[in-house]
Amino acid sequence: MLGGDFSKRLDFYDEDRTDSTFGHLPQLISNYFDLLDADTTEFKPYVGLMRRLLYGIIRPDFPHLDADHQLCIAVLVEPGTFTLRDLLAFLDGVSFVKLATAQDDIEPDVIITTLTSPNLIIDYYGPDHADVIQWQSTAAEEDYYRLYAELARRHHLKNVRQAQR
């Protein structure tokens, strides 16, 4: 009946979310466990597991505590289009993505755009702008899957670079 390749929920499972060992939120969790006194020594063998679980529980409700782990994305797509609506709805559902706004002082890690002129991107972000991912206004489900895979790859590389600092 549904014979064919289609994405499943498991395809979008964010494994890195529970593997975080650096940054602001994991440090707060580590500080909490460092405060445990002698009465809680029976928990010591499970501290690593509890840190990862707490990170997974706290992160979705307090994303500002984990901003250093997020991939900052700027979207340059014509306003008021279905393309922009669908792309923003998709990115909003990706846990490791933070959308850059005009008020942000930070540079985006990635720019997603339907613009075909590199000069427009240079005019807006300067000549040393972030990597650009070209997007189609007629994107299909497979395009969203590939976009997720590429963003996950870039997110992983960003976190590896930060962990090596």
N, C-alpha and C. Protein backbone atom coordinates (compact mmCIF):
# COMPACT_ATOMS: atom_id res chain seq x y z
N MET A 1 0.82 -1.19 0.00
CA MET A 1 0.00 0.00 0.00
C MET A 1 0.86 1.26 0.00
N LEU A 2 1.82 1.35 0.92
CA LEU A 2 2.69 2.52 0.97
C LEU A 2 4.05 2.24 0.37
N GLY A 3 4.16 1.19 -0.44
CA GLY A 3 5.45 0.74 -0.96
C GLY A 3 6.28 1.88 -1.53
N GLY A 4 7.39 2.13 -0.95
CA GLY A 4 8.28 3.17 -1.43
C GLY A 4 9.13 3.71 -0.31
N ASP A 5 10.15 4.44 -0.67
CA ASP A 5 11.02 5.05 0.33
C ASP A 5 10.36 6.30 0.87
N PHE A 6 10.24 6.37 2.14
CA PHE A 6 9.76 7.58 2.78
C PHE A 6 10.45 7.68 4.13
N SER A 7 10.56 8.89 4.61
CA SER A 7 11.27 9.08 5.88
C SER A 7 10.38 8.62 7.03
N LYS A 8 11.05 8.14 8.06
CA LYS A 8 10.38 7.68 9.25
C LYS A 8 10.86 8.53 10.42
N ARG A 9 10.13 8.50 11.51
CA ARG A 9 10.51 9.30 12.67
C ARG A 9 11.94 9.00 13.11
N LEU A 10 12.35 7.75 13.03
CA LEU A 10 13.68 7.36 13.45
C LEU A 10 14.77 8.03 12.60
N ASP A 11 14.45 8.35 11.34
CA ASP A 11 15.42 9.01 10.48
C ASP A 11 15.83 10.37 11.03
N PHE A 12 14.96 10.98 11.81
CA PHE A 12 15.22 12.32 12.31
C PHE A 12 15.60 12.33 13.79
N TYR A 13 15.86 11.18 14.36
CA TYR A 13 16.26 11.11 15.76
C TYR A 13 17.61 11.77 15.94
N ASP A 14 17.68 12.66 16.86
CA ASP A 14 18.87 13.46 17.08
C ASP A 14 19.75 12.79 18.14
N GLU A 15 20.64 11.92 17.71
CA GLU A 15 21.47 11.17 18.65
C GLU A 15 22.44 12.05 19.42
N ASP A 16 22.96 13.09 18.80
CA ASP A 16 23.95 13.94 19.47
C ASP A 16 23.36 14.65 20.69
N ARG A 17 22.05 14.75 20.72
CA ARG A 17 21.39 15.48 21.79
C ARG A 17 21.74 14.91 23.16
N THR A 18 21.89 13.59 23.27
CA THR A 18 22.19 13.00 24.57
C THR A 18 23.67 12.72 24.74
N ASP A 19 24.48 13.06 23.78
CA ASP A 19 25.91 12.79 23.87
C ASP A 19 26.72 14.03 24.22
N SER A 20 26.07 15.11 24.53
CA SER A 20 26.79 16.36 24.76
C SER A 20 27.59 16.29 26.05
N THR A 21 28.85 16.66 25.96
CA THR A 21 29.71 16.63 27.14
C THR A 21 30.41 17.97 27.36
N PHE A 22 30.10 18.99 26.60
CA PHE A 22 30.72 20.30 26.76
C PHE A 22 29.65 21.36 26.59
N GLY A 23 29.95 22.55 26.99
CA GLY A 23 29.03 23.65 26.81
C GLY A 23 28.37 24.05 28.13
N HIS A 24 27.51 25.05 28.04
CA HIS A 24 26.92 25.67 29.23
C HIS A 24 25.98 24.71 29.97
N LEU A 25 25.00 24.14 29.29
CA LEU A 25 24.05 23.26 29.97
C LEU A 25 24.72 22.02 30.56
N PRO A 26 25.55 21.29 29.81
CA PRO A 26 26.23 20.15 30.43
C PRO A 26 27.09 20.54 31.63
N GLN A 27 27.67 21.74 31.59
CA GLN A 27 28.48 22.20 32.72
C GLN A 27 27.60 22.45 33.95
N LEU A 28 26.41 23.01 33.73
CA LEU A 28 25.49 23.22 34.85
C LEU A 28 25.09 21.89 35.47
N ILE A 29 24.83 20.90 34.63
CA ILE A 29 24.47 19.57 35.13
C ILE A 29 25.64 18.95 35.88
N SER A 30 26.84 19.09 35.34
CA SER A 30 28.02 18.56 36.03
C SER A 30 28.22 19.24 37.38
N ASN A 31 28.00 20.55 37.42
CA ASN A 31 28.13 21.27 38.69
C ASN A 31 27.14 20.73 39.73
N TYR A 32 25.94 20.41 39.28
CA TYR A 32 24.95 19.84 40.19
C TYR A 32 25.46 18.53 40.78
N PHE A 33 25.98 17.65 39.95
CA PHE A 33 26.45 16.36 40.44
C PHE A 33 27.70 16.50 41.31
N ASP A 34 28.48 17.54 41.08
CA ASP A 34 29.65 17.79 41.93
C ASP A 34 29.23 18.20 43.34
N LEU A 35 28.01 18.72 43.47
CA LEU A 35 27.52 19.16 44.78
C LEU A 35 26.97 18.01 45.62
N LEU A 36 26.76 16.86 45.02
CA LEU A 36 26.22 15.73 45.77
C LEU A 36 27.17 15.34 46.89
N ASP A 37 26.60 15.09 48.05
CA ASP A 37 27.46 14.77 49.20
C ASP A 37 27.52 13.26 49.45
N ALA A 38 28.09 12.89 50.56
CA ALA A 38 28.38 11.48 50.87
C ALA A 38 27.14 10.61 50.92
N ASP A 39 25.99 11.15 51.25
CA ASP A 39 24.78 10.34 51.33
C ASP A 39 24.32 9.82 49.98
N THR A 40 24.84 10.37 48.92
CA THR A 40 24.40 9.97 47.57
C THR A 40 25.47 9.18 46.82
N THR A 41 26.39 8.57 47.52
CA THR A 41 27.47 7.84 46.84
C THR A 41 26.95 6.67 46.01
N GLU A 42 25.78 6.13 46.34
CA GLU A 42 25.24 5.03 45.54
C GLU A 42 24.90 5.46 44.11
N PHE A 43 24.78 6.77 43.88
CA PHE A 43 24.49 7.27 42.54
C PHE A 43 25.75 7.45 41.69
N LYS A 44 26.91 7.47 42.32
CA LYS A 44 28.16 7.77 41.60
C LYS A 44 28.39 6.91 40.35
N PRO A 45 28.12 5.60 40.38
CA PRO A 45 28.35 4.82 39.15
C PRO A 45 27.44 5.21 37.98
N TYR A 46 26.36 5.90 38.29
CA TYR A 46 25.37 6.23 37.26
C TYR A 46 25.40 7.70 36.84
N VAL A 47 26.38 8.44 37.32
CA VAL A 47 26.42 9.87 37.05
C VAL A 47 26.47 10.16 35.54
N GLY A 48 27.28 9.43 34.79
CA GLY A 48 27.37 9.68 33.34
C GLY A 48 26.03 9.50 32.65
N LEU A 49 25.34 8.44 32.97
CA LEU A 49 24.02 8.18 32.38
C LEU A 49 23.02 9.25 32.82
N MET A 50 23.05 9.59 34.10
CA MET A 50 22.10 10.60 34.58
C MET A 50 22.38 11.97 33.95
N ARG A 51 23.64 12.30 33.71
CA ARG A 51 23.96 13.57 33.03
C ARG A 51 23.33 13.60 31.64
N ARG A 52 23.52 12.51 30.89
CA ARG A 52 22.96 12.47 29.53
C ARG A 52 21.43 12.53 29.55
N LEU A 53 20.81 11.83 30.49
CA LEU A 53 19.35 11.85 30.57
C LEU A 53 18.83 13.23 30.97
N LEU A 54 19.48 13.85 31.96
CA LEU A 54 19.06 15.20 32.36
C LEU A 54 19.22 16.19 31.21
N TYR A 55 20.31 16.04 30.48
CA TYR A 55 20.53 16.92 29.33
C TYR A 55 19.36 16.79 28.34
N GLY A 56 18.97 15.56 28.05
CA GLY A 56 17.86 15.33 27.12
C GLY A 56 16.53 15.84 27.64
N ILE A 57 16.35 15.82 28.95
CA ILE A 57 15.10 16.29 29.55
C ILE A 57 15.04 17.82 29.62
N ILE A 58 16.15 18.44 30.01
CA ILE A 58 16.17 19.89 30.23
C ILE A 58 16.25 20.66 28.92
N ARG A 59 17.03 20.16 27.97
CA ARG A 59 17.33 20.89 26.74
C ARG A 59 16.11 21.39 25.97
N PRO A 60 15.09 20.57 25.74
CA PRO A 60 13.96 21.07 24.93
C PRO A 60 13.20 22.23 25.57
N ASP A 61 13.14 22.25 26.90
CA ASP A 61 12.38 23.31 27.57
C ASP A 61 13.19 24.56 27.86
N PHE A 62 14.51 24.46 27.82
CA PHE A 62 15.38 25.59 28.11
C PHE A 62 16.47 25.71 27.04
N PRO A 63 16.08 25.95 25.78
CA PRO A 63 17.07 25.97 24.71
C PRO A 63 18.12 27.06 24.86
N HIS A 64 17.79 28.15 25.56
CA HIS A 64 18.78 29.22 25.75
C HIS A 64 19.97 28.74 26.58
N LEU A 65 19.78 27.72 27.41
CA LEU A 65 20.90 27.17 28.18
C LEU A 65 21.83 26.35 27.31
N ASP A 66 21.35 25.97 26.13
CA ASP A 66 22.12 25.10 25.24
C ASP A 66 22.43 25.79 23.91
N ALA A 67 22.39 27.11 23.90
CA ALA A 67 22.57 27.85 22.66
C ALA A 67 23.93 27.59 22.02
N ASP A 68 24.94 27.28 22.82
CA ASP A 68 26.26 27.03 22.25
C ASP A 68 26.33 25.73 21.47
N HIS A 69 25.33 24.87 21.59
CA HIS A 69 25.29 23.63 20.83
C HIS A 69 24.45 23.74 19.56
N GLN A 70 23.73 24.82 19.42
CA GLN A 70 22.81 24.94 18.30
C GLN A 70 23.51 25.45 17.04
N LEU A 71 22.99 25.02 15.91
CA LEU A 71 23.46 25.48 14.61
C LEU A 71 22.62 26.70 14.24
N CYS A 72 23.28 27.83 14.08
CA CYS A 72 22.58 29.08 13.76
C CYS A 72 22.35 29.16 12.26
N ILE A 73 21.09 29.27 11.86
CA ILE A 73 20.70 29.25 10.45
C ILE A 73 20.06 30.58 10.06
N ALA A 74 20.52 31.18 8.99
CA ALA A 74 19.88 32.35 8.40
C ALA A 74 19.12 31.88 7.17
N VAL A 75 17.90 32.35 7.01
CA VAL A 75 17.07 31.96 5.87
C VAL A 75 16.79 33.19 5.03
N LEU A 76 17.22 33.14 3.77
CA LEU A 76 16.95 34.22 2.82
C LEU A 76 16.06 33.67 1.71
N VAL A 77 14.77 33.76 1.94
CA VAL A 77 13.77 33.29 0.99
C VAL A 77 12.72 34.38 0.90
N GLU A 78 12.15 34.54 -0.28
CA GLU A 78 11.16 35.59 -0.49
C GLU A 78 10.03 35.49 0.53
N PRO A 79 9.76 36.60 1.25
CA PRO A 79 8.72 36.56 2.28
C PRO A 79 7.33 36.32 1.69
N GLY A 80 6.47 35.71 2.50
CA GLY A 80 5.08 35.51 2.10
C GLY A 80 4.87 34.36 1.14
N THR A 81 5.85 33.49 0.99
CA THR A 81 5.71 32.38 0.06
C THR A 81 5.50 31.07 0.82
N PHE A 82 4.93 30.09 0.12
CA PHE A 82 4.79 28.76 0.72
C PHE A 82 6.16 28.15 0.98
N THR A 83 7.12 28.48 0.14
CA THR A 83 8.48 27.97 0.32
C THR A 83 9.03 28.40 1.68
N LEU A 84 8.90 29.66 2.00
CA LEU A 84 9.39 30.17 3.28
C LEU A 84 8.61 29.54 4.44
N ARG A 85 7.30 29.48 4.31
CA ARG A 85 6.48 28.91 5.37
C ARG A 85 6.88 27.46 5.65
N ASP A 86 7.01 26.65 4.60
CA ASP A 86 7.34 25.24 4.77
C ASP A 86 8.75 25.06 5.33
N LEU A 87 9.69 25.85 4.84
CA LEU A 87 11.07 25.75 5.31
C LEU A 87 11.18 26.14 6.78
N LEU A 88 10.54 27.23 7.17
CA LEU A 88 10.58 27.66 8.57
C LEU A 88 9.89 26.67 9.49
N ALA A 89 8.78 26.09 9.04
CA ALA A 89 8.09 25.07 9.84
C ALA A 89 8.99 23.85 10.02
N PHE A 90 9.68 23.46 8.98
CA PHE A 90 10.60 22.32 9.06
C PHE A 90 11.74 22.62 10.03
N LEU A 91 12.39 23.78 9.87
CA LEU A 91 13.53 24.13 10.72
C LEU A 91 13.11 24.31 12.17
N ASP A 92 11.89 24.76 12.40
CA ASP A 92 11.40 24.93 13.76
C ASP A 92 11.30 23.59 14.48
N GLY A 93 11.13 22.51 13.73
CA GLY A 93 11.03 21.19 14.32
C GLY A 93 12.36 20.49 14.52
N VAL A 94 13.45 21.12 14.11
CA VAL A 94 14.78 20.51 14.26
C VAL A 94 15.38 21.03 15.56
N SER A 95 15.63 20.12 16.49
CA SER A 95 15.99 20.51 17.85
C SER A 95 17.32 21.24 17.95
N PHE A 96 18.25 21.00 17.04
CA PHE A 96 19.58 21.61 17.17
C PHE A 96 19.74 22.86 16.34
N VAL A 97 18.66 23.41 15.82
CA VAL A 97 18.70 24.60 14.96
C VAL A 97 18.17 25.81 15.70
N LYS A 98 18.89 26.91 15.56
CA LYS A 98 18.42 28.21 16.04
C LYS A 98 18.34 29.11 14.82
N LEU A 99 17.19 29.71 14.59
CA LEU A 99 17.04 30.60 13.45
C LEU A 99 17.60 31.98 13.80
N ALA A 100 18.45 32.48 12.93
CA ALA A 100 19.03 33.82 13.12
C ALA A 100 17.98 34.86 12.77
N THR A 101 17.95 35.92 13.55
CA THR A 101 17.05 37.03 13.25
C THR A 101 17.89 38.26 12.94
N ALA A 102 17.25 39.28 12.43
CA ALA A 102 17.96 40.52 12.09
C ALA A 102 18.56 41.17 13.33
N GLN A 103 17.99 40.89 14.51
CA GLN A 103 18.48 41.50 15.74
C GLN A 103 19.68 40.76 16.33
N ASP A 104 19.97 39.56 15.83
CA ASP A 104 21.09 38.78 16.38
C ASP A 104 22.42 39.44 16.03
N ASP A 105 23.32 39.42 16.99
CA ASP A 105 24.66 39.94 16.77
C ASP A 105 25.62 38.85 16.31
N ILE A 106 25.19 37.59 16.33
CA ILE A 106 26.07 36.50 15.96
C ILE A 106 25.94 36.18 14.47
N GLU A 107 27.03 35.70 13.93
CA GLU A 107 27.03 35.30 12.53
C GLU A 107 26.40 33.93 12.39
N PRO A 108 25.61 33.71 11.36
CA PRO A 108 25.03 32.38 11.19
C PRO A 108 26.10 31.36 10.79
N ASP A 109 25.84 30.11 11.12
CA ASP A 109 26.73 29.02 10.71
C ASP A 109 26.43 28.61 9.27
N VAL A 110 25.19 28.77 8.85
CA VAL A 110 24.74 28.36 7.52
C VAL A 110 23.68 29.35 7.04
N ILE A 111 23.69 29.62 5.74
CA ILE A 111 22.66 30.45 5.12
C ILE A 111 21.91 29.55 4.14
N ILE A 112 20.59 29.48 4.29
CA ILE A 112 19.76 28.75 3.35
C ILE A 112 19.02 29.78 2.52
N THR A 113 19.12 29.66 1.20
CA THR A 113 18.53 30.68 0.35
C THR A 113 18.03 30.13 -0.98
N THR A 114 17.06 30.82 -1.53
CA THR A 114 16.61 30.55 -2.90
C THR A 114 17.22 31.55 -3.87
N LEU A 115 17.98 32.51 -3.34
CA LEU A 115 18.60 33.51 -4.20
C LEU A 115 19.65 32.86 -5.09
N THR A 116 19.70 33.28 -6.33
CA THR A 116 20.68 32.71 -7.25
C THR A 116 21.87 33.63 -7.46
N SER A 117 21.80 34.85 -6.99
CA SER A 117 22.89 35.79 -7.16
C SER A 117 23.76 35.84 -5.91
N PRO A 118 25.01 35.43 -6.01
CA PRO A 118 25.89 35.50 -4.84
C PRO A 118 26.12 36.95 -4.38
N ASN A 119 25.96 37.89 -5.29
CA ASN A 119 26.17 39.30 -4.93
C ASN A 119 25.17 39.78 -3.88
N LEU A 120 23.93 39.29 -3.96
CA LEU A 120 22.94 39.68 -2.96
C LEU A 120 23.31 39.17 -1.57
N ILE A 121 23.83 37.97 -1.51
CA ILE A 121 24.25 37.41 -0.22
C ILE A 121 25.47 38.19 0.31
N ILE A 122 26.40 38.50 -0.58
CA ILE A 122 27.57 39.29 -0.19
C ILE A 122 27.15 40.66 0.30
N ASP A 123 26.17 41.29 -0.39
CA ASP A 123 25.69 42.61 0.04
C ASP A 123 25.11 42.55 1.44
N TYR A 124 24.43 41.46 1.78
CA TYR A 124 23.76 41.36 3.07
C TYR A 124 24.69 40.87 4.18
N TYR A 125 25.53 39.86 3.88
CA TYR A 125 26.37 39.24 4.91
C TYR A 125 27.85 39.52 4.77
N GLY A 126 28.24 40.20 3.70
CA GLY A 126 29.66 40.49 3.50
C GLY A 126 30.35 39.38 2.74
N PRO A 127 31.58 39.64 2.30
CA PRO A 127 32.28 38.67 1.46
C PRO A 127 32.72 37.40 2.21
N ASP A 128 32.86 37.48 3.52
CA ASP A 128 33.29 36.32 4.31
C ASP A 128 32.09 35.68 5.03
N HIS A 129 31.00 35.51 4.30
CA HIS A 129 29.78 34.98 4.91
C HIS A 129 29.87 33.47 5.13
N ALA A 130 28.91 32.95 5.86
CA ALA A 130 28.83 31.52 6.15
C ALA A 130 28.56 30.73 4.87
N ASP A 131 28.72 29.41 4.98
CA ASP A 131 28.41 28.54 3.85
C ASP A 131 26.94 28.70 3.46
N VAL A 132 26.69 28.54 2.17
CA VAL A 132 25.34 28.71 1.63
C VAL A 132 24.80 27.36 1.18
N ILE A 133 23.55 27.10 1.54
CA ILE A 133 22.83 25.94 1.03
C ILE A 133 21.74 26.48 0.13
N GLN A 134 21.82 26.13 -1.14
CA GLN A 134 20.80 26.57 -2.09
C GLN A 134 19.53 25.75 -1.88
N TRP A 135 18.40 26.42 -1.91
CA TRP A 135 17.11 25.77 -1.69
C TRP A 135 16.21 26.04 -2.89
N GLN A 136 15.38 25.08 -3.19
CA GLN A 136 14.46 25.20 -4.32
C GLN A 136 13.09 25.61 -3.83
N SER A 137 12.41 26.40 -4.60
CA SER A 137 11.06 26.81 -4.19
C SER A 137 10.06 25.68 -4.39
N THR A 138 10.45 24.65 -5.10
CA THR A 138 9.57 23.49 -5.28
C THR A 138 10.19 22.25 -4.62
N ALA A 139 10.56 22.38 -3.36
CA ALA A 139 11.23 21.29 -2.65
C ALA A 139 10.25 20.15 -2.37
N ALA A 140 10.77 18.93 -2.50
CA ALA A 140 10.00 17.72 -2.22
C ALA A 140 10.45 17.12 -0.89
N GLU A 141 9.79 16.08 -0.44
CA GLU A 141 10.12 15.45 0.83
C GLU A 141 11.58 14.99 0.88
N GLU A 142 12.09 14.48 -0.23
CA GLU A 142 13.48 14.02 -0.27
C GLU A 142 14.45 15.18 -0.03
N ASP A 143 14.08 16.36 -0.51
CA ASP A 143 14.92 17.55 -0.30
C ASP A 143 15.01 17.89 1.19
N TYR A 144 13.90 17.76 1.88
CA TYR A 144 13.92 18.04 3.32
C TYR A 144 14.75 16.99 4.06
N TYR A 145 14.68 15.77 3.65
CA TYR A 145 15.50 14.73 4.28
C TYR A 145 16.99 15.03 4.05
N ARG A 146 17.36 15.39 2.81
CA ARG A 146 18.76 15.72 2.53
C ARG A 146 19.20 16.96 3.30
N LEU A 147 18.31 17.94 3.42
CA LEU A 147 18.63 19.14 4.19
C LEU A 147 18.88 18.77 5.65
N TYR A 148 18.02 17.94 6.22
CA TYR A 148 18.22 17.52 7.60
C TYR A 148 19.56 16.82 7.77
N ALA A 149 19.88 15.92 6.86
CA ALA A 149 21.14 15.18 6.94
C ALA A 149 22.33 16.14 6.86
N GLU A 150 22.25 17.12 5.98
CA GLU A 150 23.35 18.09 5.84
C GLU A 150 23.46 18.98 7.08
N LEU A 151 22.35 19.42 7.62
CA LEU A 151 22.39 20.24 8.83
C LEU A 151 22.92 19.43 10.01
N ALA A 152 22.52 18.18 10.11
CA ALA A 152 23.01 17.32 11.19
C ALA A 152 24.52 17.13 11.06
N ARG A 153 25.02 16.97 9.84
CA ARG A 153 26.45 16.82 9.62
C ARG A 153 27.18 18.09 10.05
N ARG A 154 26.68 19.24 9.64
CA ARG A 154 27.33 20.51 10.00
C ARG A 154 27.25 20.77 11.51
N HIS A 155 26.14 20.40 12.11
CA HIS A 155 25.99 20.55 13.55
C HIS A 155 27.01 19.69 14.29
N HIS A 156 27.17 18.47 13.84
CA HIS A 156 28.15 17.57 14.46
C HIS A 156 29.57 18.14 14.32
N LEU A 157 29.92 18.62 13.13
CA LEU A 157 31.25 19.20 12.91
C LEU A 157 31.48 20.43 13.78
N LYS A 158 30.46 21.26 13.92
CA LYS A 158 30.58 22.45 14.77
C LYS A 158 30.86 22.04 16.21
N ASN A 159 30.13 21.05 16.71
CA ASN A 159 30.33 20.60 18.08
C ASN A 159 31.68 19.93 18.28
N VAL A 160 32.16 19.20 17.28
CA VAL A 160 33.48 18.58 17.38
C VAL A 160 34.55 19.67 17.46
N ARG A 161 34.43 20.70 16.61
CA ARG A 161 35.40 21.81 16.66
C ARG A 161 35.37 22.52 18.01
N GLN A 162 34.17 22.74 18.55
CA GLN A 162 34.07 23.41 19.85
C GLN A 162 34.64 22.54 20.97
N ALA A 163 34.44 21.24 20.89
CA ALA A 163 34.94 20.35 21.93
C ALA A 163 36.47 20.28 21.92
N GLN A 164 37.08 20.55 20.75
CA GLN A 164 38.53 20.48 20.63
C GLN A 164 39.21 21.75 21.11
N ARG A 165 38.46 22.78 21.39
CA ARG A 165 39.03 24.06 21.86
C ARG A 165 39.47 23.96 23.28
